[in-house]
């Protein structure tokens, strides 16, 4: 599905997605990644089953106010012990499938929120 963000000021946003890829500003990505509106995508863990607490801890270095976690094609919650650092730092966590996470990230980033998308493509 292709979509566009109808706002200004957002440097990086999802422009399309499919079953095993996402597009950011027209550039296709086929590996899992994290993204903030003010910085380019960086690689992130590849599989839901391989998630570790350190994967979520790493997200805190970006100082987000909210993390939108796209769990892949299926909606899956990570174990609370994996996301404990986010809770301890008072960073919100929203869990959804990857497609919904892409849409939600664009809306929140367009509102000027300091949101980080952690996207799995498995």
C-alpha atoms as a PDB file:
ATOM      1  CA  UNK A   1       0.000   0.000   0.000  1.00  0.00           C
ATOM      2  CA  UNK A   2       1.265   3.466  -0.840  1.00  0.00           C
ATOM      3  CA  UNK A   3       0.396   6.499   1.214  1.00  0.00           C
ATOM      4  CA  UNK A   4       1.739   9.975   1.755  1.00  0.00           C
ATOM      5  CA  UNK A   5       2.107  12.097   4.830  1.00  0.00           C
ATOM      6  CA  UNK A   6       0.311  15.400   4.337  1.00  0.00           C
ATOM      7  CA  UNK A   7       2.395  17.499   6.682  1.00  0.00           C
ATOM      8  CA  UNK A   8       5.593  19.488   6.717  1.00  0.00           C
ATOM      9  CA  UNK A   9       8.586  19.244   8.985  1.00  0.00           C
ATOM     10  CA  UNK A  10       8.859  15.450   8.993  1.00  0.00           C
ATOM     11  CA  UNK A  11      12.166  14.471   7.444  1.00  0.00           C
ATOM     12  CA  UNK A  12      11.765  10.683   7.490  1.00  0.00           C
ATOM     13  CA  UNK A  13       8.427   8.907   7.148  1.00  0.00           C
ATOM     14  CA  UNK A  14       7.037   5.651   5.802  1.00  0.00           C
ATOM     15  CA  UNK A  15       5.831   6.128   2.233  1.00  0.00           C
ATOM     16  CA  UNK A  16       4.688   2.538   1.527  1.00  0.00           C
ATOM     17  CA  UNK A  17       4.823  -1.007   2.909  1.00  0.00           C
ATOM     18  CA  UNK A  18       4.265  -4.615   1.928  1.00  0.00           C
ATOM     19  CA  UNK A  19       4.443  -8.057   3.520  1.00  0.00           C
ATOM     20  CA  UNK A  20       8.233  -8.087   3.900  1.00  0.00           C
ATOM     21  CA  UNK A  21       9.340  -4.532   3.176  1.00  0.00           C
ATOM     22  CA  UNK A  22       8.791  -0.909   4.080  1.00  0.00           C
ATOM     23  CA  UNK A  23       9.570   2.194   2.119  1.00  0.00           C
ATOM     24  CA  UNK A  24      10.931   5.336   3.767  1.00  0.00           C
ATOM     25  CA  UNK A  25      10.840   8.496   1.661  1.00  0.00           C
ATOM     26  CA  UNK A  26      10.638   6.305  -1.433  1.00  0.00           C
ATOM     27  CA  UNK A  27      13.568   4.040  -0.489  1.00  0.00           C
ATOM     28  CA  UNK A  28      12.698   0.356   0.002  1.00  0.00           C
ATOM     29  CA  UNK A  29      14.013  -1.519   3.059  1.00  0.00           C
ATOM     30  CA  UNK A  30      13.814  -5.297   3.444  1.00  0.00           C
ATOM     31  CA  UNK A  31      15.441  -5.614   6.875  1.00  0.00           C
ATOM     32  CA  UNK A  32      14.055  -4.737  10.294  1.00  0.00           C
ATOM     33  CA  UNK A  33      14.871  -1.212  11.429  1.00  0.00           C
ATOM     34  CA  UNK A  34      14.219   1.624  13.802  1.00  0.00           C
ATOM     35  CA  UNK A  35      13.258   5.090  12.617  1.00  0.00           C
ATOM     36  CA  UNK A  36      12.737   8.558  14.000  1.00  0.00           C
ATOM     37  CA  UNK A  37      11.513  11.500  11.964  1.00  0.00           C
ATOM     38  CA  UNK A  38      14.746  13.417  12.520  1.00  0.00           C
ATOM     39  CA  UNK A  39      17.214  10.636  11.692  1.00  0.00           C
ATOM     40  CA  UNK A  40      17.605   7.998   9.009  1.00  0.00           C
ATOM     41  CA  UNK A  41      16.645   4.372   9.594  1.00  0.00           C
ATOM     42  CA  UNK A  42      19.138   2.152  11.381  1.00  0.00           C
ATOM     43  CA  UNK A  43      19.181  -1.665  11.444  1.00  0.00           C
ATOM     44  CA  UNK A  44      17.398  -3.370  14.331  1.00  0.00           C
ATOM     45  CA  UNK A  45      16.922  -6.987  15.418  1.00  0.00           C
ATOM     46  CA  UNK A  46      15.621  -9.258  12.651  1.00  0.00           C
ATOM     47  CA  UNK A  47      13.180 -11.699  14.272  1.00  0.00           C
ATOM     48  CA  UNK A  48      10.545 -11.571  16.977  1.00  0.00           C
ATOM     49  CA  UNK A  49      11.825 -14.805  18.520  1.00  0.00           C
ATOM     50  CA  UNK A  50      15.338 -13.322  18.798  1.00  0.00           C
ATOM     51  CA  UNK A  51      14.273 -10.181  20.707  1.00  0.00           C
ATOM     52  CA  UNK A  52      16.292  -9.420  23.822  1.00  0.00           C
ATOM     53  CA  UNK A  53      16.044  -6.715  26.458  1.00  0.00           C
ATOM     54  CA  UNK A  54      19.161  -5.102  24.964  1.00  0.00           C
ATOM     55  CA  UNK A  55      17.241  -4.498  21.714  1.00  0.00           C
ATOM     56  CA  UNK A  56      14.714  -2.324  23.533  1.00  0.00           C
ATOM     57  CA  UNK A  57      17.373  -0.788  25.799  1.00  0.00           C
ATOM     58  CA  UNK A  58      19.163   0.441  22.669  1.00  0.00           C
ATOM     59  CA  UNK A  59      16.082   2.415  21.645  1.00  0.00           C
ATOM     60  CA  UNK A  60      16.433   4.590  24.759  1.00  0.00           C
ATOM     61  CA  UNK A  61      19.620   6.159  23.388  1.00  0.00           C
ATOM     62  CA  UNK A  62      17.391   8.129  20.979  1.00  0.00           C
ATOM     63  CA  UNK A  63      15.386   9.598  23.885  1.00  0.00           C
ATOM     64  CA  UNK A  64      11.913   8.935  22.443  1.00  0.00           C
ATOM     65  CA  UNK A  65       8.753   9.814  24.316  1.00  0.00           C
ATOM     66  CA  UNK A  66       6.968   6.887  22.676  1.00  0.00           C
ATOM     67  CA  UNK A  67       8.027   3.680  20.904  1.00  0.00           C
ATOM     68  CA  UNK A  68       5.708   2.218  18.271  1.00  0.00           C
ATOM     69  CA  UNK A  69       6.672  -1.446  17.958  1.00  0.00           C
ATOM     70  CA  UNK A  70       5.681  -3.176  14.735  1.00  0.00           C
ATOM     71  CA  UNK A  71       5.790  -6.882  15.561  1.00  0.00           C
ATOM     72  CA  UNK A  72       5.766  -8.152  11.960  1.00  0.00           C
ATOM     73  CA  UNK A  73       2.822  -9.429   9.940  1.00  0.00           C
ATOM     74  CA  UNK A  74       1.186 -10.723  13.114  1.00  0.00           C
ATOM     75  CA  UNK A  75       0.289  -8.769  16.229  1.00  0.00           C
ATOM     76  CA  UNK A  76       2.549 -10.137  18.997  1.00  0.00           C
ATOM     77  CA  UNK A  77       3.404  -8.699  22.407  1.00  0.00           C
ATOM     78  CA  UNK A  78       7.022  -8.880  23.578  1.00  0.00           C
ATOM     79  CA  UNK A  79       7.507 -10.278  27.082  1.00  0.00           C
ATOM     80  CA  UNK A  80       7.385  -7.474  29.692  1.00  0.00           C
ATOM     81  CA  UNK A  81      10.911  -8.291  30.889  1.00  0.00           C
ATOM     82  CA  UNK A  82      12.168  -7.261  27.434  1.00  0.00           C
ATOM     83  CA  UNK A  83      10.594  -3.811  27.609  1.00  0.00           C
ATOM     84  CA  UNK A  84      11.235  -3.094  31.289  1.00  0.00           C
ATOM     85  CA  UNK A  85      13.835  -0.376  30.542  1.00  0.00           C
ATOM     86  CA  UNK A  86      11.261   1.563  28.515  1.00  0.00           C
ATOM     87  CA  UNK A  87       8.769   1.431  31.376  1.00  0.00           C
ATOM     88  CA  UNK A  88      11.429   2.427  33.909  1.00  0.00           C
ATOM     89  CA  UNK A  89      12.355   5.437  31.755  1.00  0.00           C
ATOM     90  CA  UNK A  90       8.656   6.389  31.429  1.00  0.00           C
ATOM     91  CA  UNK A  91       8.727   5.871  27.661  1.00  0.00           C
ATOM     92  CA  UNK A  92       5.404   4.769  26.251  1.00  0.00           C
ATOM     93  CA  UNK A  93       5.179   1.556  24.223  1.00  0.00           C
ATOM     94  CA  UNK A  94       2.481   0.800  21.674  1.00  0.00           C
ATOM     95  CA  UNK A  95       2.480  -2.667  20.129  1.00  0.00           C
ATOM     96  CA  UNK A  96       0.826  -3.412  16.790  1.00  0.00           C
ATOM     97  CA  UNK A  97       1.476  -5.217  13.537  1.00  0.00           C
ATOM     98  CA  UNK A  98       4.077  -3.574  11.292  1.00  0.00           C
ATOM     99  CA  UNK A  99       1.604  -2.055   8.844  1.00  0.00           C
ATOM    100  CA  UNK A 100      -0.325  -0.336  11.621  1.00  0.00           C
ATOM    101  CA  UNK A 101       2.956   0.795  13.205  1.00  0.00           C
ATOM    102  CA  UNK A 102       4.005   2.514   9.967  1.00  0.00           C
ATOM    103  CA  UNK A 103       0.722   4.427   9.759  1.00  0.00           C
ATOM    104  CA  UNK A 104       0.759   5.328  13.451  1.00  0.00           C
ATOM    105  CA  UNK A 105       4.366   6.535  13.294  1.00  0.00           C
ATOM    106  CA  UNK A 106       3.535   8.874  10.414  1.00  0.00           C
ATOM    107  CA  UNK A 107       0.579  10.392  12.246  1.00  0.00           C
ATOM    108  CA  UNK A 108       2.484  10.909  15.507  1.00  0.00           C
ATOM    109  CA  UNK A 109       5.615  12.216  13.793  1.00  0.00           C
ATOM    110  CA  UNK A 110       3.422  14.584  11.778  1.00  0.00           C
ATOM    111  CA  UNK A 111       2.071  15.931  15.063  1.00  0.00           C
ATOM    112  CA  UNK A 112       5.633  16.706  16.135  1.00  0.00           C
ATOM    113  CA  UNK A 113       5.834  13.914  18.713  1.00  0.00           C
ATOM    114  CA  UNK A 114       9.247  12.399  19.511  1.00  0.00           C
ATOM    115  CA  UNK A 115       8.194   8.923  18.375  1.00  0.00           C
ATOM    116  CA  UNK A 116      10.453   6.022  17.437  1.00  0.00           C
ATOM    117  CA  UNK A 117       9.282   3.171  15.222  1.00  0.00           C
ATOM    118  CA  UNK A 118      10.868  -0.228  15.910  1.00  0.00           C
ATOM    119  CA  UNK A 119       9.855  -2.314  12.915  1.00  0.00           C
ATOM    120  CA  UNK A 120      10.192  -6.069  12.433  1.00  0.00           C
ATOM    121  CA  UNK A 121       9.848  -7.412   8.914  1.00  0.00           C
ATOM    122  CA  UNK A 122       9.640 -11.143   9.702  1.00  0.00           C
END
